[in-house]
Amino acid sequence: MAVAEIRKINIDTLSKAEVSFDQFKQWLINERIEFCTARIPHADLLTSLFLEAQGFRFIELNYQPVLTSLPNHDLPHSPISIAKAERADQSLLADAAGQVYGNERFHKDPAIDSKLADERYRRWMTSAFKTPDQIVYKCIKRGEIVGFFVVETPKKGVVFWSLIGILPQYQGQGIGKQAWVAMLDYHQKQGAEKVYTSLTSRNTAVFNLYVALGFRFPEPNAIFHWAARR
């Protein structure tokens, strides 16, 4: 499936926007794009209404909770240890990534087959093992891998958690908070100053966890999807 993403859109006047967007829609047809996403600030109501008029559907709010001044945070003890994942862990973690997500936009959008959404995360994990600017970490408790973090460092002292998960068999046991604390402790010892991540508005179970750990929530982005008619 060919996909596209709108990362920025500015509307001067609606008439000009409609002309420009007609050109964009023709490009979608020419390139045989079947699926397109758009991400805009939640407060930008004009653009939201415009996208909906163009056949895009609102799917979710996306938050990027951020924790600053990490060296100043007094973190509790965690029984979990953090280590870089090895190539031998790839199959286990890829399979886990294909099972642990269900609340985010690709699973909730009825236009997308859930099996394709699972495969997206499975491939994401597999790719992370090969991508130079991503590091896969495993969370270990009593000698067993219980979770994972895919981490990026966009600049010195700044860490982005791009993919996080607790293996299915360890969910519901309080391991999530232990893993988050252990990962923050790891970054703290490595000299990181700031940590942020991406969070769907449907994942309400972890909102309080992020707040309790000192994260703050800037204005969210609204996520829209468009799918070609079949």
C-alpha atoms as a PDB file:
ATOM      1  CA  MET A   1       0.000   0.000   0.000  1.00  0.00           C
ATOM      2  CA  ALA A   2       1.386   3.409  -1.015  1.00  0.00           C
ATOM      3  CA  VAL A   3       1.012   5.976   1.785  1.00  0.00           C
ATOM      4  CA  ALA A   4       1.644   9.704   2.257  1.00  0.00           C
ATOM      5  CA  GLU A   5       1.810  12.108   5.175  1.00  0.00           C
ATOM      6  CA  ILE A   6       0.954  15.793   5.437  1.00  0.00           C
ATOM      7  CA  ARG A   7       3.384  17.230   7.955  1.00  0.00           C
ATOM      8  CA  LYS A   8       2.492  20.898   7.597  1.00  0.00           C
ATOM      9  CA  ILE A   9      -0.433  22.794   6.138  1.00  0.00           C
ATOM     10  CA  ASN A  10      -1.065  26.558   6.134  1.00  0.00           C
ATOM     11  CA  ILE A  11      -4.366  28.081   5.058  1.00  0.00           C
ATOM     12  CA  ASP A  12      -4.349  31.711   3.911  1.00  0.00           C
ATOM     13  CA  THR A  13      -7.788  31.803   2.368  1.00  0.00           C
ATOM     14  CA  LEU A  14     -10.182  28.902   1.782  1.00  0.00           C
ATOM     15  CA  SER A  15     -10.395  29.579  -1.948  1.00  0.00           C
ATOM     16  CA  LYS A  16      -6.623  29.366  -2.382  1.00  0.00           C
ATOM     17  CA  ALA A  17      -6.472  26.320  -0.129  1.00  0.00           C
ATOM     18  CA  GLU A  18      -9.081  24.499  -2.199  1.00  0.00           C
ATOM     19  CA  VAL A  19      -7.170  25.126  -5.434  1.00  0.00           C
ATOM     20  CA  SER A  20      -3.900  23.935  -3.918  1.00  0.00           C
ATOM     21  CA  PHE A  21      -5.568  20.906  -2.363  1.00  0.00           C
ATOM     22  CA  ASP A  22      -7.124  19.932  -5.694  1.00  0.00           C
ATOM     23  CA  GLN A  23      -3.567  19.737  -7.026  1.00  0.00           C
ATOM     24  CA  PHE A  24      -2.561  17.643  -4.041  1.00  0.00           C
ATOM     25  CA  LYS A  25      -5.484  15.254  -4.557  1.00  0.00           C
ATOM     26  CA  GLN A  26      -4.490  14.861  -8.192  1.00  0.00           C
ATOM     27  CA  TRP A  27      -0.978  14.001  -7.008  1.00  0.00           C
ATOM     28  CA  LEU A  28      -2.463  11.315  -4.762  1.00  0.00           C
ATOM     29  CA  ILE A  29      -4.199   9.828  -7.780  1.00  0.00           C
ATOM     30  CA  ASN A  30      -1.142  10.052 -10.020  1.00  0.00           C
ATOM     31  CA  GLU A  31       1.074   8.388  -7.417  1.00  0.00           C
ATOM     32  CA  ARG A  32      -1.599   5.801  -6.593  1.00  0.00           C
ATOM     33  CA  ILE A  33      -1.578   6.769  -2.949  1.00  0.00           C
ATOM     34  CA  GLU A  34      -4.158   4.723  -1.038  1.00  0.00           C
ATOM     35  CA  PHE A  35      -3.742   6.191   2.429  1.00  0.00           C
ATOM     36  CA  CYS A  36      -2.730   9.607   3.757  1.00  0.00           C
ATOM     37  CA  THR A  37      -2.343  11.034   7.255  1.00  0.00           C
ATOM     38  CA  ALA A  38      -2.296  14.620   8.456  1.00  0.00           C
ATOM     39  CA  ARG A  39      -1.100  16.017  11.781  1.00  0.00           C
ATOM     40  CA  ILE A  40      -2.114  19.526  12.845  1.00  0.00           C
ATOM     41  CA  PRO A  41      -2.262  21.492  16.120  1.00  0.00           C
ATOM     42  CA  HIS A  42      -5.430  20.673  18.025  1.00  0.00           C
ATOM     43  CA  ALA A  43      -6.382  24.343  18.328  1.00  0.00           C
ATOM     44  CA  ASP A  44      -6.332  24.887  14.551  1.00  0.00           C
ATOM     45  CA  LEU A  45     -10.064  24.473  14.026  1.00  0.00           C
ATOM     46  CA  LEU A  46     -10.075  26.059  10.565  1.00  0.00           C
ATOM     47  CA  THR A  47      -7.663  23.483   9.182  1.00  0.00           C
ATOM     48  CA  SER A  48      -9.541  20.678  10.934  1.00  0.00           C
ATOM     49  CA  LEU A  49     -12.789  21.683   9.265  1.00  0.00           C
ATOM     50  CA  PHE A  50     -11.031  22.085   5.922  1.00  0.00           C
ATOM     51  CA  LEU A  51      -9.514  18.603   6.069  1.00  0.00           C
ATOM     52  CA  GLU A  52     -12.851  17.055   6.966  1.00  0.00           C
ATOM     53  CA  ALA A  53     -14.421  18.832   3.978  1.00  0.00           C
ATOM     54  CA  GLN A  54     -11.725  17.222   1.803  1.00  0.00           C
ATOM     55  CA  GLY A  55     -12.623  13.707   2.933  1.00  0.00           C
ATOM     56  CA  PHE A  56     -10.206  13.337   5.847  1.00  0.00           C
ATOM     57  CA  ARG A  57     -11.555  11.837   9.080  1.00  0.00           C
ATOM     58  CA  PHE A  58     -10.500  12.822  12.589  1.00  0.00           C
ATOM     59  CA  ILE A  59      -8.989   9.784  14.291  1.00  0.00           C
ATOM     60  CA  GLU A  60      -7.363  10.803  17.570  1.00  0.00           C
ATOM     61  CA  LEU A  61      -5.418  13.349  19.569  1.00  0.00           C
ATOM     62  CA  ASN A  62      -1.714  12.724  19.836  1.00  0.00           C
ATOM     63  CA  TYR A  63       0.204  13.967  22.877  1.00  0.00           C
ATOM     64  CA  GLN A  64       3.957  14.355  23.309  1.00  0.00           C
ATOM     65  CA  PRO A  65       4.538  14.318  27.077  1.00  0.00           C
ATOM     66  CA  VAL A  66       7.929  15.725  27.993  1.00  0.00           C
ATOM     67  CA  LEU A  67      10.145  15.496  31.065  1.00  0.00           C
ATOM     68  CA  THR A  68      12.831  18.143  31.488  1.00  0.00           C
ATOM     69  CA  SER A  69      15.714  18.577  33.947  1.00  0.00           C
ATOM     70  CA  LEU A  70      16.060  14.798  34.266  1.00  0.00           C
ATOM     71  CA  PRO A  71      19.260  15.010  36.393  1.00  0.00           C
ATOM     72  CA  ASN A  72      17.254  16.797  39.096  1.00  0.00           C
ATOM     73  CA  HIS A  73      14.632  14.065  39.420  1.00  0.00           C
ATOM     74  CA  ASP A  74      14.859  11.686  42.374  1.00  0.00           C
ATOM     75  CA  LEU A  75      13.757   8.370  40.866  1.00  0.00           C
ATOM     76  CA  PRO A  76      12.527   5.437  42.965  1.00  0.00           C
ATOM     77  CA  HIS A  77      14.247   2.067  42.854  1.00  0.00           C
ATOM     78  CA  SER A  78      13.149  -0.337  40.141  1.00  0.00           C
ATOM     79  CA  PRO A  79      13.721  -4.123  40.119  1.00  0.00           C
ATOM     80  CA  ILE A  80      14.115  -3.966  36.347  1.00  0.00           C
ATOM     81  CA  SER A  81      17.434  -3.608  34.571  1.00  0.00           C
ATOM     82  CA  ILE A  82      17.968  -2.066  31.131  1.00  0.00           C
ATOM     83  CA  ALA A  83      20.294  -3.399  28.442  1.00  0.00           C
ATOM     84  CA  LYS A  84      20.725  -2.891  24.720  1.00  0.00           C
ATOM     85  CA  ALA A  85      18.873  -5.576  22.812  1.00  0.00           C
ATOM     86  CA  GLU A  86      20.986  -8.003  20.823  1.00  0.00           C
ATOM     87  CA  ARG A  87      20.336  -9.403  17.369  1.00  0.00           C
ATOM     88  CA  ALA A  88      19.219 -12.638  19.016  1.00  0.00           C
ATOM     89  CA  ASP A  89      16.361 -10.702  20.681  1.00  0.00           C
ATOM     90  CA  GLN A  90      14.995  -9.344  17.420  1.00  0.00           C
ATOM     91  CA  SER A  91      12.471 -12.083  16.677  1.00  0.00           C
ATOM     92  CA  LEU A  92      11.043 -12.072  20.211  1.00  0.00           C
ATOM     93  CA  LEU A  93      10.698  -8.293  20.335  1.00  0.00           C
ATOM     94  CA  ALA A  94       9.305  -8.005  16.799  1.00  0.00           C
ATOM     95  CA  ASP A  95       6.621 -10.564  17.637  1.00  0.00           C
ATOM     96  CA  ALA A  96       5.844  -8.681  20.849  1.00  0.00           C
ATOM     97  CA  ALA A  97       5.569  -5.370  19.001  1.00  0.00           C
ATOM     98  CA  GLY A  98       3.057  -7.007  16.686  1.00  0.00           C
ATOM     99  CA  GLN A  99       0.833  -7.960  19.632  1.00  0.00           C
ATOM    100  CA  VAL A 100       0.869  -5.244  22.283  1.00  0.00           C
ATOM    101  CA  TYR A 101      -0.788  -2.328  20.486  1.00  0.00           C
ATOM    102  CA  GLY A 102      -4.512  -1.968  20.040  1.00  0.00           C
ATOM    103  CA  ASN A 103      -5.572   1.507  21.136  1.00  0.00           C
ATOM    104  CA  GLU A 104      -3.687   3.642  18.643  1.00  0.00           C
ATOM    105  CA  ARG A 105      -4.971   5.070  15.393  1.00  0.00           C
ATOM    106  CA  PHE A 106      -3.980   2.297  12.997  1.00  0.00           C
ATOM    107  CA  HIS A 107      -5.908  -0.300  14.974  1.00  0.00           C
ATOM    108  CA  LYS A 108      -8.922   1.928  15.648  1.00  0.00           C
ATOM    109  CA  ASP A 109      -9.367   3.179  12.082  1.00  0.00           C
ATOM    110  CA  PRO A 110     -11.981   0.869  10.504  1.00  0.00           C
ATOM    111  CA  ALA A 111     -10.444   1.541   7.078  1.00  0.00           C
ATOM    112  CA  ILE A 112      -7.294  -0.354   8.111  1.00  0.00           C
ATOM    113  CA  ASP A 113      -7.088  -4.106   8.588  1.00  0.00           C
ATOM    114  CA  SER A 114      -5.894  -4.816  12.138  1.00  0.00           C
ATOM    115  CA  LYS A 115      -3.492  -7.420  10.770  1.00  0.00           C
ATOM    116  CA  LEU A 116      -1.815  -4.695   8.720  1.00  0.00           C
ATOM    117  CA  ALA A 117      -1.586  -2.532  11.851  1.00  0.00           C
ATOM    118  CA  ASP A 118       0.060  -5.414  13.730  1.00  0.00           C
ATOM    119  CA  GLU A 119       2.485  -5.905  10.875  1.00  0.00           C
ATOM    120  CA  ARG A 120       3.349  -2.196  10.926  1.00  0.00           C
ATOM    121  CA  TYR A 121       4.675  -2.449  14.472  1.00  0.00           C
ATOM    122  CA  ARG A 122       6.377  -5.765  13.817  1.00  0.00           C
ATOM    123  CA  ARG A 123       8.264  -4.196  10.924  1.00  0.00           C
ATOM    124  CA  TRP A 124       8.950  -1.055  12.953  1.00  0.00           C
ATOM    125  CA  MET A 125      10.778  -3.134  15.548  1.00  0.00           C
ATOM    126  CA  THR A 126      12.669  -5.132  12.928  1.00  0.00           C
ATOM    127  CA  SER A 127      13.730  -1.912  11.212  1.00  0.00           C
ATOM    128  CA  ALA A 128      14.874  -0.372  14.512  1.00  0.00           C
ATOM    129  CA  PHE A 129      17.555  -3.050  14.817  1.00  0.00           C
ATOM    130  CA  LYS A 130      18.964  -1.897  11.473  1.00  0.00           C
ATOM    131  CA  THR A 131      18.526   1.876  11.768  1.00  0.00           C
ATOM    132  CA  PRO A 132      21.660   3.733  12.979  1.00  0.00           C
ATOM    133  CA  ASP A 133      19.772   6.504  14.806  1.00  0.00           C
ATOM    134  CA  GLN A 134      17.574   4.089  16.782  1.00  0.00           C
ATOM    135  CA  ILE A 135      18.565   1.847  19.682  1.00  0.00           C
ATOM    136  CA  VAL A 136      16.422  -0.999  20.975  1.00  0.00           C
ATOM    137  CA  TYR A 137      16.577  -1.550  24.725  1.00  0.00           C
ATOM    138  CA  LYS A 138      15.195  -4.546  26.578  1.00  0.00           C
ATOM    139  CA  CYS A 139      13.741  -4.467  30.083  1.00  0.00           C
ATOM    140  CA  ILE A 140      14.855  -7.447  32.155  1.00  0.00           C
ATOM    141  CA  LYS A 141      13.306  -8.793  35.350  1.00  0.00           C
ATOM    142  CA  ARG A 142      14.480 -11.988  36.998  1.00  0.00           C
ATOM    143  CA  GLY A 143      16.418 -12.865  33.849  1.00  0.00           C
ATOM    144  CA  GLU A 144      13.406 -12.529  31.542  1.00  0.00           C
ATOM    145  CA  ILE A 145      12.699  -9.866  28.926  1.00  0.00           C
ATOM    146  CA  VAL A 146       9.495  -8.165  30.043  1.00  0.00           C
ATOM    147  CA  GLY A 147       9.426  -5.047  27.858  1.00  0.00           C
ATOM    148  CA  PHE A 148      11.202  -2.862  25.319  1.00  0.00           C
ATOM    149  CA  PHE A 149      11.964   0.744  24.384  1.00  0.00           C
ATOM    150  CA  VAL A 150      13.025   1.970  20.956  1.00  0.00           C
ATOM    151  CA  VAL A 151      15.010   5.140  21.610  1.00  0.00           C
ATOM    152  CA  GLU A 152      16.206   7.979  19.409  1.00  0.00           C
ATOM    153  CA  THR A 153      18.545  10.845  20.310  1.00  0.00           C
ATOM    154  CA  PRO A 154      17.614  13.789  18.048  1.00  0.00           C
ATOM    155  CA  LYS A 155      20.324  15.891  19.692  1.00  0.00           C
ATOM    156  CA  LYS A 156      22.740  15.690  22.584  1.00  0.00           C
ATOM    157  CA  GLY A 157      21.007  15.363  25.922  1.00  0.00           C
ATOM    158  CA  VAL A 158      17.565  14.797  24.372  1.00  0.00           C
ATOM    159  CA  VAL A 159      15.919  11.381  24.197  1.00  0.00           C
ATOM    160  CA  PHE A 160      12.798  10.325  22.297  1.00  0.00           C
ATOM    161  CA  TRP A 161      10.975   7.087  23.101  1.00  0.00           C
ATOM    162  CA  SER A 162       9.532   6.155  19.721  1.00  0.00           C
ATOM    163  CA  LEU A 163       8.174   2.711  20.620  1.00  0.00           C
ATOM    164  CA  ILE A 164       7.407   1.280  24.058  1.00  0.00           C
ATOM    165  CA  GLY A 165       5.819  -1.970  25.091  1.00  0.00           C
ATOM    166  CA  ILE A 166       5.384  -4.539  27.821  1.00  0.00           C
ATOM    167  CA  LEU A 167       5.261  -8.123  26.572  1.00  0.00           C
ATOM    168  CA  PRO A 168       1.705  -9.522  26.620  1.00  0.00           C
ATOM    169  CA  GLN A 169       2.338 -12.140  29.306  1.00  0.00           C
ATOM    170  CA  TYR A 170       3.656  -9.502  31.739  1.00  0.00           C
ATOM    171  CA  GLN A 171       0.934  -6.908  31.339  1.00  0.00           C
ATOM    172  CA  GLY A 172      -1.325  -6.080  34.278  1.00  0.00           C
ATOM    173  CA  GLN A 173       1.362  -6.856  36.867  1.00  0.00           C
ATOM    174  CA  GLY A 174       2.614  -3.353  37.627  1.00  0.00           C
ATOM    175  CA  ILE A 175       5.678  -3.871  35.470  1.00  0.00           C
ATOM    176  CA  GLY A 176       4.965  -0.827  33.318  1.00  0.00           C
ATOM    177  CA  LYS A 177       5.855   1.730  35.970  1.00  0.00           C
ATOM    178  CA  GLN A 178       8.937  -0.274  36.956  1.00  0.00           C
ATOM    179  CA  ALA A 179      10.116  -0.308  33.336  1.00  0.00           C
ATOM    180  CA  TRP A 180       9.507   3.427  32.833  1.00  0.00           C
ATOM    181  CA  VAL A 181      11.436   4.263  36.023  1.00  0.00           C
ATOM    182  CA  ALA A 182      14.294   1.944  35.054  1.00  0.00           C
ATOM    183  CA  MET A 183      14.556   3.535  31.602  1.00  0.00           C
ATOM    184  CA  LEU A 184      14.592   7.040  33.069  1.00  0.00           C
ATOM    185  CA  ASP A 185      17.278   5.985  35.516  1.00  0.00           C
ATOM    186  CA  TYR A 186      19.316   4.594  32.622  1.00  0.00           C
ATOM    187  CA  HIS A 187      19.042   7.877  30.706  1.00  0.00           C
ATOM    188  CA  GLN A 188      19.839   9.867  33.823  1.00  0.00           C
ATOM    189  CA  LYS A 189      23.084   7.956  34.299  1.00  0.00           C
ATOM    190  CA  GLN A 190      23.906   8.541  30.626  1.00  0.00           C
ATOM    191  CA  GLY A 191      23.581  12.307  31.130  1.00  0.00           C
ATOM    192  CA  ALA A 192      20.267  12.951  29.363  1.00  0.00           C
ATOM    193  CA  GLU A 193      18.503  16.219  30.182  1.00  0.00           C
ATOM    194  CA  LYS A 194      15.159  15.759  28.445  1.00  0.00           C
ATOM    195  CA  VAL A 195      12.923  12.792  27.583  1.00  0.00           C
ATOM    196  CA  TYR A 196       9.776  12.877  25.490  1.00  0.00           C
ATOM    197  CA  THR A 197       7.514  10.410  23.720  1.00  0.00           C
ATOM    198  CA  SER A 198       4.325  10.129  21.674  1.00  0.00           C
ATOM    199  CA  LEU A 199       1.047   9.048  23.224  1.00  0.00           C
ATOM    200  CA  THR A 200      -2.414   8.436  21.808  1.00  0.00           C
ATOM    201  CA  SER A 201      -5.346   9.982  23.640  1.00  0.00           C
ATOM    202  CA  ARG A 202      -6.905   6.504  23.842  1.00  0.00           C
ATOM    203  CA  ASN A 203      -4.080   5.166  26.007  1.00  0.00           C
ATOM    204  CA  THR A 204      -5.617   6.689  29.121  1.00  0.00           C
ATOM    205  CA  ALA A 205      -4.172   3.994  31.392  1.00  0.00           C
ATOM    206  CA  VAL A 206      -0.684   5.553  31.258  1.00  0.00           C
ATOM    207  CA  PHE A 207      -1.575   9.242  31.526  1.00  0.00           C
ATOM    208  CA  ASN A 208      -1.380   9.265  35.328  1.00  0.00           C
ATOM    209  CA  LEU A 209       1.913   7.362  35.168  1.00  0.00           C
ATOM    210  CA  TYR A 210       3.529  10.039  33.028  1.00  0.00           C
ATOM    211  CA  VAL A 211       2.245  12.801  35.293  1.00  0.00           C
ATOM    212  CA  ALA A 212       3.477  10.963  38.407  1.00  0.00           C
ATOM    213  CA  LEU A 213       6.944  10.648  36.839  1.00  0.00           C
ATOM    214  CA  GLY A 214       7.133  14.403  36.193  1.00  0.00           C
ATOM    215  CA  PHE A 215       6.131  14.584  32.536  1.00  0.00           C
ATOM    216  CA  ARG A 216       4.130  17.549  31.296  1.00  0.00           C
ATOM    217  CA  PHE A 217       1.675  17.643  28.412  1.00  0.00           C
ATOM    218  CA  PRO A 218       1.952  20.369  25.736  1.00  0.00           C
ATOM    219  CA  GLU A 219      -0.940  21.053  23.354  1.00  0.00           C
ATOM    220  CA  PRO A 220      -1.793  17.854  21.448  1.00  0.00           C
ATOM    221  CA  ASN A 221      -1.940  17.366  17.704  1.00  0.00           C
ATOM    222  CA  ALA A 222      -5.081  16.244  15.915  1.00  0.00           C
ATOM    223  CA  ILE A 223      -4.566  13.252  13.621  1.00  0.00           C
ATOM    224  CA  PHE A 224      -6.602  12.792  10.441  1.00  0.00           C
ATOM    225  CA  HIS A 225      -6.735   9.893   8.007  1.00  0.00           C
ATOM    226  CA  TRP A 226      -7.766   9.722   4.384  1.00  0.00           C
ATOM    227  CA  ALA A 227      -8.261   6.468   2.472  1.00  0.00           C
ATOM    228  CA  ALA A 228      -8.862   6.023  -1.239  1.00  0.00           C
ATOM    229  CA  ARG A 229     -12.265   4.649  -2.166  1.00  0.00           C
ATOM    230  CA  ARG A 230     -12.212   1.097  -3.418  1.00  0.00           C
END
